[in-house]
Amino acid sequence: SYTQLAASAVLRRCGLLERLRRLQTSEPDVPLSCVAGLDLESLSIAMKNFYALVFGGNMMSSVDPISPPKVGLIQNSRMRNRAKVAVVEMIADAHESIYKAVLDPKNEYGMEAVSAIGLRNPEKVALVLSGRV
């Protein structure tokens, strides 16, 4: 669907789409910290890029990097808003998946990973994202 493509574009831009795919296809008995692309350094870079998109940038700019491309072309305001909300929810869910994976002891990231990656509370991320709709 359009909303999935738009959310994927945002996640691809910061490097999280590939991390999510690896997370979803990893072997259940292998700690995620040992999976190529989900190691601490790779995850840290992608998450910092993601947070820069969400929390950074110029909010006064007419172009919002989180906003779905071409959504402004949707004439019906109710449909346009639904598309934006759906994309924001997908992005927030993706963030929460990674957050939970890092905190899960079976993935062997360790407590230092939270600060090394700079993990942010999923509720706060969702709140910031929803404020951009």
N, C-alpha and C. Protein backbone atom coordinates (compact mmCIF):
# COMPACT_ATOMS: atom_id res chain seq x y z
N SER A 1 0.84 -1.18 0.00
CA SER A 1 0.00 0.00 0.00
C SER A 1 0.88 1.24 0.00
N TYR A 2 0.26 2.36 -0.28
CA TYR A 2 1.00 3.62 -0.32
C TYR A 2 1.63 3.92 1.03
N THR A 3 0.90 3.69 2.10
CA THR A 3 1.43 4.02 3.42
C THR A 3 2.64 3.16 3.77
N GLN A 4 2.62 1.89 3.38
CA GLN A 4 3.77 1.03 3.63
C GLN A 4 4.99 1.50 2.84
N LEU A 5 4.75 1.90 1.60
CA LEU A 5 5.86 2.40 0.77
C LEU A 5 6.43 3.69 1.35
N ALA A 6 5.55 4.57 1.82
CA ALA A 6 6.01 5.84 2.38
C ALA A 6 6.79 5.62 3.67
N ALA A 7 6.29 4.75 4.54
CA ALA A 7 7.01 4.45 5.79
C ALA A 7 8.35 3.79 5.47
N SER A 8 8.36 2.88 4.52
CA SER A 8 9.61 2.22 4.12
C SER A 8 10.62 3.22 3.59
N ALA A 9 10.17 4.22 2.87
CA ALA A 9 11.08 5.24 2.32
C ALA A 9 11.77 6.00 3.45
N VAL A 10 11.02 6.35 4.49
CA VAL A 10 11.60 7.07 5.63
C VAL A 10 12.60 6.17 6.35
N LEU A 11 12.21 4.92 6.59
CA LEU A 11 13.08 3.98 7.29
C LEU A 11 14.33 3.65 6.47
N ARG A 12 14.19 3.57 5.16
CA ARG A 12 15.34 3.30 4.29
C ARG A 12 16.31 4.47 4.34
N ARG A 13 15.79 5.70 4.35
CA ARG A 13 16.61 6.90 4.35
C ARG A 13 17.57 6.94 5.54
N CYS A 14 17.14 6.43 6.68
CA CYS A 14 18.02 6.49 7.86
C CYS A 14 18.73 5.15 8.11
N GLY A 15 18.47 4.14 7.30
CA GLY A 15 19.16 2.87 7.44
C GLY A 15 18.44 1.86 8.32
N LEU A 16 17.23 2.17 8.76
CA LEU A 16 16.52 1.23 9.64
C LEU A 16 15.76 0.14 8.89
N LEU A 17 15.42 0.37 7.64
CA LEU A 17 14.64 -0.65 6.92
C LEU A 17 15.41 -1.97 6.84
N GLU A 18 16.67 -1.89 6.49
CA GLU A 18 17.49 -3.10 6.41
C GLU A 18 17.64 -3.74 7.79
N ARG A 19 17.79 -2.94 8.82
CA ARG A 19 17.92 -3.48 10.19
C ARG A 19 16.64 -4.21 10.59
N LEU A 20 15.49 -3.65 10.24
CA LEU A 20 14.21 -4.29 10.56
C LEU A 20 14.04 -5.61 9.82
N ARG A 21 14.45 -5.62 8.58
CA ARG A 21 14.36 -6.88 7.81
C ARG A 21 15.23 -7.96 8.43
N ARG A 22 16.42 -7.58 8.86
CA ARG A 22 17.31 -8.55 9.50
C ARG A 22 16.73 -9.01 10.84
N LEU A 23 16.12 -8.10 11.55
CA LEU A 23 15.48 -8.42 12.83
C LEU A 23 14.36 -9.45 12.61
N GLN A 24 13.57 -9.26 11.57
CA GLN A 24 12.43 -10.13 11.29
C GLN A 24 12.85 -11.49 10.74
N THR A 25 13.99 -11.56 10.10
CA THR A 25 14.41 -12.82 9.47
C THR A 25 15.53 -13.54 10.21
N SER A 26 15.90 -13.02 11.37
CA SER A 26 17.01 -13.64 12.11
C SER A 26 16.58 -14.96 12.74
N GLU A 27 17.57 -15.80 12.97
CA GLU A 27 17.34 -17.08 13.63
C GLU A 27 16.97 -16.83 15.09
N PRO A 28 15.93 -17.49 15.59
CA PRO A 28 15.49 -17.22 16.97
C PRO A 28 16.51 -17.58 18.05
N ASP A 29 17.40 -18.51 17.76
CA ASP A 29 18.36 -18.94 18.79
C ASP A 29 19.70 -18.17 18.71
N VAL A 30 19.81 -17.22 17.79
CA VAL A 30 21.02 -16.42 17.66
C VAL A 30 20.75 -15.02 18.22
N PRO A 31 21.55 -14.57 19.19
CA PRO A 31 21.35 -13.22 19.73
C PRO A 31 21.49 -12.18 18.60
N LEU A 32 20.61 -11.21 18.59
CA LEU A 32 20.63 -10.21 17.52
C LEU A 32 21.94 -9.43 17.49
N SER A 33 22.58 -9.27 18.63
CA SER A 33 23.85 -8.54 18.66
C SER A 33 24.94 -9.25 17.86
N CYS A 34 24.71 -10.53 17.54
CA CYS A 34 25.68 -11.31 16.76
C CYS A 34 25.31 -11.38 15.28
N VAL A 35 24.19 -10.80 14.91
CA VAL A 35 23.73 -10.83 13.51
C VAL A 35 24.36 -9.65 12.76
N ALA A 36 24.93 -9.94 11.59
CA ALA A 36 25.52 -8.88 10.77
C ALA A 36 24.48 -7.82 10.47
N GLY A 37 24.85 -6.56 10.68
CA GLY A 37 23.93 -5.47 10.44
C GLY A 37 23.11 -5.09 11.66
N LEU A 38 23.08 -5.96 12.65
CA LEU A 38 22.38 -5.66 13.90
C LEU A 38 23.37 -5.53 15.06
N ASP A 39 24.65 -5.52 14.73
CA ASP A 39 25.67 -5.31 15.75
C ASP A 39 25.52 -3.90 16.30
N LEU A 40 26.12 -3.66 17.43
CA LEU A 40 25.95 -2.40 18.15
C LEU A 40 26.31 -1.18 17.30
N GLU A 41 27.42 -1.25 16.59
CA GLU A 41 27.85 -0.11 15.77
C GLU A 41 26.88 0.19 14.64
N SER A 42 26.46 -0.83 13.90
CA SER A 42 25.52 -0.64 12.79
C SER A 42 24.18 -0.10 13.27
N LEU A 43 23.69 -0.67 14.36
CA LEU A 43 22.41 -0.24 14.91
C LEU A 43 22.50 1.19 15.44
N SER A 44 23.62 1.51 16.06
CA SER A 44 23.82 2.85 16.61
C SER A 44 23.77 3.91 15.50
N ILE A 45 24.43 3.65 14.40
CA ILE A 45 24.45 4.61 13.29
C ILE A 45 23.04 4.81 12.74
N ALA A 46 22.33 3.72 12.51
CA ALA A 46 20.97 3.82 11.96
C ALA A 46 20.02 4.54 12.92
N MET A 47 20.13 4.24 14.20
CA MET A 47 19.24 4.87 15.17
C MET A 47 19.54 6.36 15.31
N LYS A 48 20.80 6.72 15.28
CA LYS A 48 21.15 8.15 15.36
C LYS A 48 20.63 8.90 14.13
N ASN A 49 20.71 8.27 12.97
CA ASN A 49 20.14 8.87 11.75
C ASN A 49 18.62 9.03 11.89
N PHE A 50 17.98 8.00 12.43
CA PHE A 50 16.53 8.03 12.64
C PHE A 50 16.15 9.16 13.59
N TYR A 51 16.84 9.25 14.72
CA TYR A 51 16.53 10.29 15.69
C TYR A 51 16.79 11.68 15.13
N ALA A 52 17.79 11.81 14.28
CA ALA A 52 18.04 13.11 13.64
C ALA A 52 16.85 13.51 12.77
N LEU A 53 16.26 12.54 12.08
CA LEU A 53 15.06 12.82 11.27
C LEU A 53 13.88 13.21 12.15
N VAL A 54 13.69 12.48 13.24
CA VAL A 54 12.53 12.69 14.10
C VAL A 54 12.66 13.96 14.94
N PHE A 55 13.79 14.11 15.62
CA PHE A 55 13.96 15.19 16.58
C PHE A 55 14.70 16.40 16.02
N GLY A 56 15.45 16.17 14.98
CA GLY A 56 16.27 17.26 14.44
C GLY A 56 15.60 17.94 13.28
N GLY A 57 16.40 18.59 12.51
CA GLY A 57 15.89 19.25 11.32
C GLY A 57 15.22 20.56 11.64
N ASN A 58 14.89 21.25 10.61
CA ASN A 58 14.27 22.56 10.73
C ASN A 58 12.76 22.39 10.66
N MET A 59 12.10 22.54 11.80
CA MET A 59 10.65 22.38 11.84
C MET A 59 9.95 23.50 11.08
N MET A 60 10.65 24.60 10.80
CA MET A 60 10.06 25.71 10.06
C MET A 60 10.12 25.45 8.55
N SER A 61 10.86 24.44 8.16
CA SER A 61 11.00 24.12 6.75
C SER A 61 9.66 23.65 6.19
N SER A 62 9.46 23.92 4.92
CA SER A 62 8.21 23.48 4.29
C SER A 62 8.25 21.99 3.96
N VAL A 63 9.43 21.40 4.01
CA VAL A 63 9.56 19.98 3.70
C VAL A 63 9.86 19.22 4.99
N ASP A 64 8.94 18.35 5.37
CA ASP A 64 9.12 17.53 6.57
C ASP A 64 9.65 16.16 6.12
N PRO A 65 10.84 15.75 6.57
CA PRO A 65 11.41 14.48 6.11
C PRO A 65 10.59 13.26 6.53
N ILE A 66 9.72 13.40 7.50
CA ILE A 66 8.89 12.28 7.94
C ILE A 66 7.59 12.22 7.16
N SER A 67 7.16 13.34 6.63
CA SER A 67 5.89 13.40 5.92
C SER A 67 5.94 12.53 4.66
N PRO A 68 4.88 11.76 4.42
CA PRO A 68 4.85 10.91 3.23
C PRO A 68 4.96 11.74 1.95
N PRO A 69 5.78 11.29 1.01
CA PRO A 69 5.91 12.03 -0.24
C PRO A 69 4.58 12.06 -1.00
N LYS A 70 4.31 13.16 -1.63
CA LYS A 70 3.14 13.35 -2.48
C LYS A 70 1.81 13.31 -1.73
N VAL A 71 1.85 13.26 -0.40
CA VAL A 71 0.59 13.19 0.35
C VAL A 71 -0.20 14.49 0.17
N GLY A 72 0.50 15.58 -0.07
CA GLY A 72 -0.17 16.86 -0.29
C GLY A 72 -1.04 16.87 -1.53
N LEU A 73 -0.81 15.92 -2.41
CA LEU A 73 -1.61 15.84 -3.64
C LEU A 73 -2.99 15.22 -3.40
N ILE A 74 -3.18 14.60 -2.24
CA ILE A 74 -4.48 14.01 -1.93
C ILE A 74 -5.45 15.14 -1.63
N GLN A 75 -6.50 15.22 -2.42
CA GLN A 75 -7.45 16.33 -2.32
C GLN A 75 -8.30 16.27 -1.06
N ASN A 76 -8.76 15.09 -0.71
CA ASN A 76 -9.64 14.92 0.44
C ASN A 76 -8.81 15.03 1.72
N SER A 77 -9.12 16.04 2.56
CA SER A 77 -8.31 16.28 3.75
C SER A 77 -8.38 15.12 4.74
N ARG A 78 -9.51 14.46 4.84
CA ARG A 78 -9.65 13.32 5.74
C ARG A 78 -8.74 12.16 5.28
N MET A 79 -8.74 11.91 3.99
CA MET A 79 -7.88 10.84 3.44
C MET A 79 -6.40 11.21 3.58
N ARG A 80 -6.08 12.46 3.38
CA ARG A 80 -4.69 12.93 3.50
C ARG A 80 -4.21 12.73 4.93
N ASN A 81 -5.04 13.08 5.91
CA ASN A 81 -4.67 12.93 7.31
C ASN A 81 -4.55 11.45 7.68
N ARG A 82 -5.44 10.62 7.18
CA ARG A 82 -5.35 9.17 7.46
C ARG A 82 -4.05 8.59 6.94
N ALA A 83 -3.64 9.02 5.76
CA ALA A 83 -2.38 8.54 5.19
C ALA A 83 -1.20 8.94 6.06
N LYS A 84 -1.19 10.19 6.51
CA LYS A 84 -0.11 10.67 7.38
C LYS A 84 -0.08 9.89 8.69
N VAL A 85 -1.23 9.71 9.30
CA VAL A 85 -1.31 9.00 10.58
C VAL A 85 -0.83 7.56 10.43
N ALA A 86 -1.25 6.90 9.36
CA ALA A 86 -0.85 5.50 9.14
C ALA A 86 0.66 5.38 8.98
N VAL A 87 1.27 6.30 8.26
CA VAL A 87 2.73 6.28 8.07
C VAL A 87 3.43 6.50 9.40
N VAL A 88 2.97 7.48 10.16
CA VAL A 88 3.57 7.78 11.47
C VAL A 88 3.47 6.57 12.40
N GLU A 89 2.33 5.89 12.40
CA GLU A 89 2.16 4.71 13.25
C GLU A 89 3.11 3.59 12.84
N MET A 90 3.30 3.39 11.55
CA MET A 90 4.23 2.35 11.08
C MET A 90 5.67 2.67 11.49
N ILE A 91 6.04 3.93 11.38
CA ILE A 91 7.40 4.34 11.75
C ILE A 91 7.60 4.17 13.26
N ALA A 92 6.61 4.57 14.04
CA ALA A 92 6.69 4.43 15.50
C ALA A 92 6.77 2.96 15.90
N ASP A 93 5.99 2.10 15.24
CA ASP A 93 6.03 0.66 15.52
C ASP A 93 7.39 0.07 15.20
N ALA A 94 7.99 0.52 14.10
CA ALA A 94 9.32 0.04 13.72
C ALA A 94 10.34 0.41 14.79
N HIS A 95 10.27 1.65 15.26
CA HIS A 95 11.18 2.09 16.32
C HIS A 95 11.00 1.25 17.57
N GLU A 96 9.75 1.00 17.94
CA GLU A 96 9.48 0.23 19.15
C GLU A 96 10.01 -1.20 19.03
N SER A 97 9.94 -1.79 17.85
CA SER A 97 10.47 -3.14 17.64
C SER A 97 11.97 -3.19 17.92
N ILE A 98 12.68 -2.21 17.42
CA ILE A 98 14.12 -2.17 17.63
C ILE A 98 14.43 -1.89 19.11
N TYR A 99 13.69 -0.98 19.69
CA TYR A 99 13.86 -0.65 21.11
C TYR A 99 13.72 -1.91 21.97
N LYS A 100 12.65 -2.65 21.75
CA LYS A 100 12.40 -3.87 22.54
C LYS A 100 13.48 -4.92 22.29
N ALA A 101 13.94 -5.03 21.05
CA ALA A 101 14.98 -6.02 20.72
C ALA A 101 16.29 -5.71 21.45
N VAL A 102 16.63 -4.43 21.54
CA VAL A 102 17.87 -4.04 22.22
C VAL A 102 17.76 -4.30 23.71
N LEU A 103 16.60 -4.06 24.28
CA LEU A 103 16.42 -4.26 25.72
C LEU A 103 16.24 -5.72 26.12
N ASP A 104 15.91 -6.58 25.18
CA ASP A 104 15.69 -8.00 25.48
C ASP A 104 17.04 -8.67 25.80
N PRO A 105 17.19 -9.19 27.02
CA PRO A 105 18.47 -9.79 27.44
C PRO A 105 18.94 -10.93 26.52
N LYS A 106 18.04 -11.65 25.90
CA LYS A 106 18.45 -12.76 25.05
C LYS A 106 19.23 -12.30 23.81
N ASN A 107 19.13 -11.01 23.48
CA ASN A 107 19.85 -10.50 22.31
C ASN A 107 21.26 -10.01 22.64
N GLU A 108 21.60 -10.04 23.92
CA GLU A 108 22.97 -9.81 24.41
C GLU A 108 23.59 -8.47 24.00
N TYR A 109 22.78 -7.42 23.99
CA TYR A 109 23.35 -6.10 23.72
C TYR A 109 24.00 -5.52 24.97
N GLY A 110 23.45 -5.83 26.13
CA GLY A 110 23.98 -5.29 27.37
C GLY A 110 23.42 -3.91 27.66
N MET A 111 23.51 -3.52 28.91
CA MET A 111 22.94 -2.24 29.33
C MET A 111 23.66 -1.04 28.73
N GLU A 112 24.93 -1.18 28.39
CA GLU A 112 25.66 -0.06 27.79
C GLU A 112 25.14 0.27 26.39
N ALA A 113 24.43 -0.66 25.79
CA ALA A 113 23.89 -0.44 24.45
C ALA A 113 22.86 0.69 24.43
N VAL A 114 22.09 0.79 25.50
CA VAL A 114 21.05 1.83 25.55
C VAL A 114 21.67 3.21 25.39
N SER A 115 22.76 3.47 26.11
CA SER A 115 23.40 4.78 25.99
C SER A 115 24.25 4.87 24.73
N ALA A 116 24.88 3.78 24.32
CA ALA A 116 25.72 3.80 23.11
C ALA A 116 24.87 4.10 21.88
N ILE A 117 23.69 3.53 21.83
CA ILE A 117 22.78 3.74 20.70
C ILE A 117 22.02 5.05 20.89
N GLY A 118 21.84 5.45 22.13
CA GLY A 118 21.06 6.64 22.42
C GLY A 118 19.57 6.38 22.33
N LEU A 119 19.17 5.18 22.72
CA LEU A 119 17.76 4.80 22.60
C LEU A 119 16.84 5.79 23.31
N ARG A 120 15.74 6.08 22.65
CA ARG A 120 14.73 6.98 23.21
C ARG A 120 13.46 6.19 23.48
N ASN A 121 12.72 6.63 24.46
CA ASN A 121 11.48 5.98 24.84
C ASN A 121 10.51 5.95 23.65
N PRO A 122 9.96 4.77 23.32
CA PRO A 122 9.03 4.67 22.18
C PRO A 122 7.81 5.58 22.30
N GLU A 123 7.32 5.78 23.52
CA GLU A 123 6.16 6.66 23.70
C GLU A 123 6.50 8.10 23.33
N LYS A 124 7.70 8.52 23.69
CA LYS A 124 8.13 9.89 23.35
C LYS A 124 8.30 10.04 21.85
N VAL A 125 8.91 9.02 21.23
CA VAL A 125 9.10 9.05 19.77
C VAL A 125 7.75 9.11 19.07
N ALA A 126 6.82 8.27 19.51
CA ALA A 126 5.48 8.25 18.91
C ALA A 126 4.79 9.60 19.09
N LEU A 127 4.97 10.21 20.25
CA LEU A 127 4.35 11.51 20.53
C LEU A 127 4.92 12.59 19.60
N VAL A 128 6.23 12.60 19.46
CA VAL A 128 6.87 13.58 18.56
C VAL A 128 6.42 13.34 17.13
N LEU A 129 6.41 12.10 16.71
CA LEU A 129 5.97 11.79 15.34
C LEU A 129 4.52 12.21 15.12
N SER A 130 3.66 11.91 16.08
CA SER A 130 2.24 12.24 15.90
C SER A 130 2.01 13.74 15.89
N GLY A 131 2.89 14.49 16.53
CA GLY A 131 2.79 15.94 16.50
C GLY A 131 3.15 16.53 15.15
N ARG A 132 3.75 15.74 14.31
CA ARG A 132 4.17 16.21 12.99
C ARG A 132 3.09 15.97 11.96
N VAL A 133 2.03 15.31 12.34
CA VAL A 133 0.95 15.00 11.37
C VAL A 133 0.10 16.22 11.16
